[in-house]
Amino acid sequence: MSAATAPGRLPADLSAVLALLTGAGLAAGLGLLGELRPGWFALAVFTAGCAALGRWSRPVAAPLIGLAVWLFHNGFAEHRHAELGWSRPAVEAGHLALLTGAALLAALVGGVSARWRTTGRAAGRAAG
């Protein structure tokens, strides 16, 4: 872990690798359930995966997480057979923005709660 990484937070490069693994795992899981098709359910599952990973990552990793998971969503849920497609620019950009935004929001909330826990412990030690 680099010195610039906050304790308990994943560095951006590790977050990107885990995002690829998360996208692959979610695509495989949806395939086993028979839900690997275009629609709101697959998009919601991939968005939840971005948020879960974003919770443990730094905010700078959010674009990497969103793009990596979007590759699996686009290639397996939207266009099937691992073929990336750009059906309509507004729709695809919206999916990418949703996945990146979920990771960013979770990373920001996770960072605030980590700081709150750290300062709460420090204040408790100073008072006690």
N, C-alpha and C. Protein backbone atom coordinates (compact mmCIF):
# COMPACT_ATOMS: atom_id res chain seq x y z
N MET A 1 0.85 -1.16 0.00
CA MET A 1 0.00 0.00 0.00
C MET A 1 0.89 1.22 0.00
N SER A 2 0.55 2.21 -0.82
CA SER A 2 1.37 3.40 -0.90
C SER A 2 1.16 4.28 0.33
N ALA A 3 2.10 5.19 0.54
CA ALA A 3 2.02 6.06 1.71
C ALA A 3 0.85 7.03 1.60
N ALA A 4 0.42 7.33 0.36
CA ALA A 4 -0.67 8.28 0.16
C ALA A 4 -2.04 7.66 0.40
N THR A 5 -2.12 6.36 0.53
CA THR A 5 -3.39 5.68 0.74
C THR A 5 -3.77 5.73 2.21
N ALA A 6 -4.99 6.13 2.45
CA ALA A 6 -5.48 6.16 3.82
C ALA A 6 -5.58 4.73 4.36
N PRO A 7 -5.31 4.53 5.63
CA PRO A 7 -5.41 3.19 6.19
C PRO A 7 -6.83 2.63 6.02
N GLY A 8 -6.92 1.38 5.63
CA GLY A 8 -8.22 0.75 5.47
C GLY A 8 -8.88 1.02 4.13
N ARG A 9 -8.25 1.78 3.25
CA ARG A 9 -8.81 2.11 1.94
C ARG A 9 -7.94 1.47 0.87
N LEU A 10 -8.56 0.92 -0.16
CA LEU A 10 -7.82 0.26 -1.23
C LEU A 10 -7.21 1.29 -2.17
N PRO A 11 -5.97 1.08 -2.62
CA PRO A 11 -5.40 1.97 -3.63
C PRO A 11 -6.13 1.80 -4.96
N ALA A 12 -5.99 2.78 -5.84
CA ALA A 12 -6.75 2.80 -7.09
C ALA A 12 -6.43 1.60 -7.98
N ASP A 13 -5.16 1.20 -8.06
CA ASP A 13 -4.83 0.09 -8.95
C ASP A 13 -5.43 -1.23 -8.46
N LEU A 14 -5.42 -1.45 -7.17
CA LEU A 14 -6.04 -2.66 -6.62
C LEU A 14 -7.56 -2.62 -6.78
N SER A 15 -8.13 -1.45 -6.64
CA SER A 15 -9.58 -1.29 -6.84
C SER A 15 -9.97 -1.63 -8.27
N ALA A 16 -9.14 -1.25 -9.24
CA ALA A 16 -9.44 -1.55 -10.64
C ALA A 16 -9.40 -3.05 -10.89
N VAL A 17 -8.42 -3.73 -10.32
CA VAL A 17 -8.34 -5.18 -10.49
C VAL A 17 -9.54 -5.86 -9.84
N LEU A 18 -9.88 -5.42 -8.64
CA LEU A 18 -11.04 -6.00 -7.96
C LEU A 18 -12.34 -5.69 -8.69
N ALA A 19 -12.41 -4.54 -9.37
CA ALA A 19 -13.60 -4.20 -10.15
C ALA A 19 -13.76 -5.14 -11.33
N LEU A 20 -12.65 -5.50 -11.97
CA LEU A 20 -12.73 -6.48 -13.07
C LEU A 20 -13.21 -7.83 -12.55
N LEU A 21 -12.68 -8.24 -11.40
CA LEU A 21 -13.11 -9.51 -10.81
C LEU A 21 -14.58 -9.44 -10.36
N THR A 22 -14.98 -8.30 -9.82
CA THR A 22 -16.37 -8.11 -9.41
C THR A 22 -17.30 -8.19 -10.61
N GLY A 23 -16.94 -7.51 -11.69
CA GLY A 23 -17.76 -7.55 -12.90
C GLY A 23 -17.88 -8.96 -13.45
N ALA A 24 -16.77 -9.70 -13.46
CA ALA A 24 -16.81 -11.08 -13.95
C ALA A 24 -17.68 -11.96 -13.05
N GLY A 25 -17.53 -11.78 -11.75
CA GLY A 25 -18.33 -12.57 -10.81
C GLY A 25 -19.81 -12.27 -10.91
N LEU A 26 -20.15 -10.99 -11.05
CA LEU A 26 -21.56 -10.62 -11.18
C LEU A 26 -22.15 -11.14 -12.48
N ALA A 27 -21.38 -11.06 -13.57
CA ALA A 27 -21.87 -11.59 -14.85
C ALA A 27 -22.08 -13.10 -14.76
N ALA A 28 -21.15 -13.80 -14.13
CA ALA A 28 -21.31 -15.25 -13.97
C ALA A 28 -22.52 -15.58 -13.09
N GLY A 29 -22.68 -14.85 -12.00
CA GLY A 29 -23.82 -15.08 -11.11
C GLY A 29 -25.15 -14.81 -11.79
N LEU A 30 -25.22 -13.71 -12.53
CA LEU A 30 -26.46 -13.41 -13.25
C LEU A 30 -26.73 -14.45 -14.34
N GLY A 31 -25.66 -14.95 -14.94
CA GLY A 31 -25.83 -16.00 -15.95
C GLY A 31 -26.40 -17.28 -15.36
N LEU A 32 -25.92 -17.63 -14.18
CA LEU A 32 -26.43 -18.83 -13.51
C LEU A 32 -27.90 -18.67 -13.11
N LEU A 33 -28.28 -17.45 -12.77
CA LEU A 33 -29.67 -17.19 -12.39
C LEU A 33 -30.59 -16.98 -13.59
N GLY A 34 -30.01 -16.90 -14.78
CA GLY A 34 -30.81 -16.66 -15.98
C GLY A 34 -31.23 -15.22 -16.13
N GLU A 35 -30.55 -14.31 -15.44
CA GLU A 35 -30.91 -12.90 -15.48
C GLU A 35 -29.89 -12.06 -16.24
N LEU A 36 -29.05 -12.67 -17.02
CA LEU A 36 -28.04 -11.95 -17.77
C LEU A 36 -28.63 -11.45 -19.08
N ARG A 37 -29.42 -10.41 -18.97
CA ARG A 37 -30.09 -9.83 -20.12
C ARG A 37 -30.30 -8.34 -19.87
N PRO A 38 -30.56 -7.57 -20.93
CA PRO A 38 -30.76 -6.14 -20.74
C PRO A 38 -31.97 -5.87 -19.84
N GLY A 39 -31.86 -4.88 -19.01
CA GLY A 39 -32.97 -4.53 -18.15
C GLY A 39 -32.51 -3.93 -16.85
N TRP A 40 -33.48 -3.59 -16.04
CA TRP A 40 -33.18 -2.88 -14.80
C TRP A 40 -32.52 -3.77 -13.76
N PHE A 41 -32.85 -5.06 -13.74
CA PHE A 41 -32.31 -5.93 -12.69
C PHE A 41 -30.79 -6.09 -12.82
N ALA A 42 -30.33 -6.38 -14.02
CA ALA A 42 -28.88 -6.54 -14.23
C ALA A 42 -28.16 -5.23 -13.94
N LEU A 43 -28.74 -4.11 -14.36
CA LEU A 43 -28.11 -2.82 -14.10
C LEU A 43 -28.06 -2.53 -12.60
N ALA A 44 -29.12 -2.88 -11.88
CA ALA A 44 -29.14 -2.68 -10.43
C ALA A 44 -28.10 -3.54 -9.73
N VAL A 45 -27.92 -4.76 -10.19
CA VAL A 45 -26.93 -5.66 -9.58
C VAL A 45 -25.52 -5.13 -9.82
N PHE A 46 -25.23 -4.71 -11.03
CA PHE A 46 -23.90 -4.17 -11.33
C PHE A 46 -23.67 -2.85 -10.58
N THR A 47 -24.71 -2.04 -10.42
CA THR A 47 -24.59 -0.79 -9.66
C THR A 47 -24.30 -1.09 -8.19
N ALA A 48 -24.98 -2.08 -7.63
CA ALA A 48 -24.72 -2.46 -6.24
C ALA A 48 -23.29 -2.98 -6.07
N GLY A 49 -22.80 -3.70 -7.07
CA GLY A 49 -21.42 -4.17 -7.03
C GLY A 49 -20.43 -3.01 -7.03
N CYS A 50 -20.71 -1.99 -7.83
CA CYS A 50 -19.85 -0.79 -7.84
C CYS A 50 -19.88 -0.09 -6.49
N ALA A 51 -21.05 0.02 -5.92
CA ALA A 51 -21.17 0.69 -4.62
C ALA A 51 -20.45 -0.10 -3.52
N ALA A 52 -20.58 -1.40 -3.55
CA ALA A 52 -19.92 -2.24 -2.54
C ALA A 52 -18.41 -2.11 -2.63
N LEU A 53 -17.88 -2.12 -3.83
CA LEU A 53 -16.43 -1.98 -4.00
C LEU A 53 -15.99 -0.54 -3.72
N GLY A 54 -16.80 0.42 -4.13
CA GLY A 54 -16.47 1.82 -3.87
C GLY A 54 -16.39 2.14 -2.39
N ARG A 55 -17.13 1.43 -1.59
CA ARG A 55 -17.13 1.64 -0.13
C ARG A 55 -15.74 1.44 0.46
N TRP A 56 -14.95 0.54 -0.12
CA TRP A 56 -13.61 0.23 0.41
C TRP A 56 -12.50 0.90 -0.38
N SER A 57 -12.85 1.70 -1.39
CA SER A 57 -11.86 2.30 -2.28
C SER A 57 -11.75 3.80 -2.04
N ARG A 58 -10.70 4.37 -2.58
CA ARG A 58 -10.53 5.81 -2.54
C ARG A 58 -11.37 6.44 -3.65
N PRO A 59 -11.82 7.68 -3.48
CA PRO A 59 -12.66 8.32 -4.51
C PRO A 59 -11.99 8.40 -5.89
N VAL A 60 -10.68 8.49 -5.92
CA VAL A 60 -9.98 8.58 -7.20
C VAL A 60 -10.14 7.29 -8.02
N ALA A 61 -10.49 6.19 -7.39
CA ALA A 61 -10.66 4.92 -8.09
C ALA A 61 -12.05 4.77 -8.70
N ALA A 62 -12.98 5.65 -8.42
CA ALA A 62 -14.36 5.51 -8.90
C ALA A 62 -14.46 5.42 -10.42
N PRO A 63 -13.75 6.24 -11.20
CA PRO A 63 -13.84 6.08 -12.66
C PRO A 63 -13.32 4.73 -13.14
N LEU A 64 -12.30 4.21 -12.50
CA LEU A 64 -11.76 2.89 -12.87
C LEU A 64 -12.77 1.79 -12.55
N ILE A 65 -13.39 1.89 -11.39
CA ILE A 65 -14.39 0.90 -10.99
C ILE A 65 -15.58 0.95 -11.94
N GLY A 66 -16.09 2.15 -12.20
CA GLY A 66 -17.24 2.29 -13.10
C GLY A 66 -16.97 1.76 -14.48
N LEU A 67 -15.81 2.07 -15.03
CA LEU A 67 -15.47 1.61 -16.39
C LEU A 67 -15.30 0.10 -16.43
N ALA A 68 -14.61 -0.46 -15.44
CA ALA A 68 -14.37 -1.91 -15.43
C ALA A 68 -15.68 -2.68 -15.33
N VAL A 69 -16.57 -2.25 -14.46
CA VAL A 69 -17.85 -2.95 -14.30
C VAL A 69 -18.75 -2.71 -15.51
N TRP A 70 -18.67 -1.51 -16.09
CA TRP A 70 -19.46 -1.22 -17.30
C TRP A 70 -19.07 -2.15 -18.44
N LEU A 71 -17.79 -2.49 -18.55
CA LEU A 71 -17.36 -3.41 -19.60
C LEU A 71 -18.10 -4.74 -19.51
N PHE A 72 -18.25 -5.26 -18.30
CA PHE A 72 -18.96 -6.53 -18.13
C PHE A 72 -20.47 -6.36 -18.32
N HIS A 73 -21.01 -5.27 -17.82
CA HIS A 73 -22.44 -5.03 -18.01
C HIS A 73 -22.77 -4.88 -19.48
N ASN A 74 -21.97 -4.09 -20.19
CA ASN A 74 -22.22 -3.86 -21.60
C ASN A 74 -21.98 -5.11 -22.43
N GLY A 75 -20.91 -5.81 -22.13
CA GLY A 75 -20.53 -6.96 -22.94
C GLY A 75 -21.35 -8.21 -22.70
N PHE A 76 -21.85 -8.38 -21.50
CA PHE A 76 -22.56 -9.62 -21.18
C PHE A 76 -24.06 -9.43 -20.95
N ALA A 77 -24.45 -8.34 -20.32
CA ALA A 77 -25.87 -8.15 -20.04
C ALA A 77 -26.58 -7.41 -21.18
N GLU A 78 -25.97 -6.36 -21.69
CA GLU A 78 -26.63 -5.56 -22.71
C GLU A 78 -26.51 -6.16 -24.11
N HIS A 79 -25.31 -6.57 -24.49
CA HIS A 79 -25.10 -6.99 -25.87
C HIS A 79 -24.74 -8.46 -26.04
N ARG A 80 -24.58 -9.17 -24.92
CA ARG A 80 -24.38 -10.62 -24.92
C ARG A 80 -23.09 -11.06 -25.62
N HIS A 81 -22.67 -12.25 -25.34
CA HIS A 81 -21.54 -12.93 -25.97
C HIS A 81 -20.24 -12.14 -25.93
N ALA A 82 -20.02 -11.36 -24.91
CA ALA A 82 -18.79 -10.59 -24.70
C ALA A 82 -18.50 -9.61 -25.83
N GLU A 83 -19.53 -9.10 -26.45
CA GLU A 83 -19.37 -8.11 -27.51
C GLU A 83 -19.75 -6.75 -26.98
N LEU A 84 -18.79 -5.85 -26.95
CA LEU A 84 -19.09 -4.49 -26.52
C LEU A 84 -19.82 -3.78 -27.64
N GLY A 85 -20.83 -3.03 -27.27
CA GLY A 85 -21.60 -2.29 -28.25
C GLY A 85 -21.94 -0.90 -27.73
N TRP A 86 -22.17 0.00 -28.63
CA TRP A 86 -22.52 1.37 -28.27
C TRP A 86 -23.83 1.65 -28.97
N SER A 87 -24.93 1.20 -28.36
CA SER A 87 -26.23 1.27 -29.02
C SER A 87 -26.69 2.71 -29.20
N ARG A 88 -26.81 3.45 -28.13
CA ARG A 88 -27.17 4.86 -28.19
C ARG A 88 -26.25 5.59 -27.22
N PRO A 89 -25.59 6.64 -27.67
CA PRO A 89 -24.61 7.31 -26.80
C PRO A 89 -25.18 7.78 -25.47
N ALA A 90 -26.40 8.29 -25.47
CA ALA A 90 -26.97 8.80 -24.22
C ALA A 90 -27.22 7.67 -23.23
N VAL A 91 -27.69 6.53 -23.72
CA VAL A 91 -27.99 5.40 -22.84
C VAL A 91 -26.70 4.82 -22.26
N GLU A 92 -25.73 4.57 -23.12
CA GLU A 92 -24.46 3.99 -22.65
C GLU A 92 -23.72 4.94 -21.73
N ALA A 93 -23.72 6.22 -22.04
CA ALA A 93 -23.08 7.21 -21.16
C ALA A 93 -23.82 7.29 -19.82
N GLY A 94 -25.12 7.13 -19.85
CA GLY A 94 -25.89 7.12 -18.61
C GLY A 94 -25.56 5.92 -17.74
N HIS A 95 -25.41 4.76 -18.37
CA HIS A 95 -25.02 3.56 -17.61
C HIS A 95 -23.64 3.73 -16.99
N LEU A 96 -22.72 4.27 -17.77
CA LEU A 96 -21.36 4.49 -17.27
C LEU A 96 -21.36 5.51 -16.14
N ALA A 97 -22.15 6.57 -16.29
CA ALA A 97 -22.24 7.59 -15.24
C ALA A 97 -22.89 7.02 -13.97
N LEU A 98 -23.90 6.17 -14.12
CA LEU A 98 -24.55 5.56 -12.97
C LEU A 98 -23.58 4.67 -12.19
N LEU A 99 -22.85 3.82 -12.90
CA LEU A 99 -21.91 2.91 -12.25
C LEU A 99 -20.77 3.67 -11.59
N THR A 100 -20.24 4.68 -12.27
CA THR A 100 -19.16 5.49 -11.70
C THR A 100 -19.68 6.31 -10.52
N GLY A 101 -20.88 6.86 -10.65
CA GLY A 101 -21.46 7.65 -9.56
C GLY A 101 -21.72 6.82 -8.32
N ALA A 102 -22.15 5.58 -8.50
CA ALA A 102 -22.38 4.70 -7.35
C ALA A 102 -21.07 4.43 -6.62
N ALA A 103 -20.01 4.17 -7.38
CA ALA A 103 -18.70 3.92 -6.75
C ALA A 103 -18.19 5.18 -6.06
N LEU A 104 -18.36 6.34 -6.70
CA LEU A 104 -17.88 7.59 -6.12
C LEU A 104 -18.65 7.94 -4.85
N LEU A 105 -19.96 7.83 -4.89
CA LEU A 105 -20.76 8.16 -3.72
C LEU A 105 -20.41 7.24 -2.55
N ALA A 106 -20.27 5.96 -2.82
CA ALA A 106 -19.91 5.02 -1.76
C ALA A 106 -18.51 5.31 -1.22
N ALA A 107 -17.58 5.69 -2.10
CA ALA A 107 -16.22 6.01 -1.65
C ALA A 107 -16.21 7.26 -0.78
N LEU A 108 -17.01 8.25 -1.15
CA LEU A 108 -17.07 9.48 -0.34
C LEU A 108 -17.71 9.21 1.01
N VAL A 109 -18.79 8.46 1.02
CA VAL A 109 -19.44 8.13 2.29
C VAL A 109 -18.52 7.26 3.15
N GLY A 110 -17.85 6.32 2.52
CA GLY A 110 -16.91 5.47 3.25
C GLY A 110 -15.75 6.26 3.83
N GLY A 111 -15.28 7.25 3.09
CA GLY A 111 -14.19 8.09 3.58
C GLY A 111 -14.61 8.96 4.75
N VAL A 112 -15.82 9.49 4.68
CA VAL A 112 -16.32 10.33 5.77
C VAL A 112 -16.52 9.48 7.03
N SER A 113 -17.10 8.29 6.85
CA SER A 113 -17.33 7.45 8.03
C SER A 113 -16.01 6.96 8.62
N ALA A 114 -15.00 6.70 7.77
CA ALA A 114 -13.69 6.29 8.29
C ALA A 114 -13.05 7.42 9.07
N ARG A 115 -13.17 8.65 8.56
CA ARG A 115 -12.61 9.80 9.29
C ARG A 115 -13.36 10.02 10.60
N TRP A 116 -14.67 9.84 10.57
CA TRP A 116 -15.47 10.03 11.77
C TRP A 116 -15.09 9.00 12.84
N ARG A 117 -14.90 7.75 12.42
CA ARG A 117 -14.49 6.72 13.38
C ARG A 117 -13.10 7.02 13.93
N THR A 118 -12.19 7.48 13.08
CA THR A 118 -10.83 7.78 13.52
C THR A 118 -10.80 8.95 14.49
N THR A 119 -11.52 10.03 14.16
CA THR A 119 -11.53 11.18 15.06
C THR A 119 -12.30 10.89 16.34
N GLY A 120 -13.31 10.03 16.25
CA GLY A 120 -14.05 9.64 17.45
C GLY A 120 -13.19 8.85 18.41
N ARG A 121 -12.35 7.98 17.88
CA ARG A 121 -11.43 7.22 18.73
C ARG A 121 -10.39 8.13 19.36
N ALA A 122 -9.87 9.07 18.56
CA ALA A 122 -8.86 9.99 19.07
C ALA A 122 -9.44 10.89 20.16
N ALA A 123 -10.68 11.33 19.95
CA ALA A 123 -11.32 12.19 20.97
C ALA A 123 -11.59 11.41 22.23
N GLY A 124 -11.97 10.13 22.08
CA GLY A 124 -12.22 9.27 23.25
C GLY A 124 -10.95 9.04 24.05
N ARG A 125 -9.82 8.87 23.35
CA ARG A 125 -8.54 8.66 24.06
C ARG A 125 -8.11 9.94 24.77
N ALA A 126 -8.37 11.09 24.15
CA ALA A 126 -7.96 12.34 24.77
C ALA A 126 -8.81 12.65 25.99
N ALA A 127 -10.10 12.32 25.93
CA ALA A 127 -10.99 12.60 27.05
C ALA A 127 -10.80 11.58 28.18
N GLY A 128 -10.44 10.35 27.82
CA GLY A 128 -10.35 9.27 28.81
C GLY A 128 -9.01 9.24 29.41
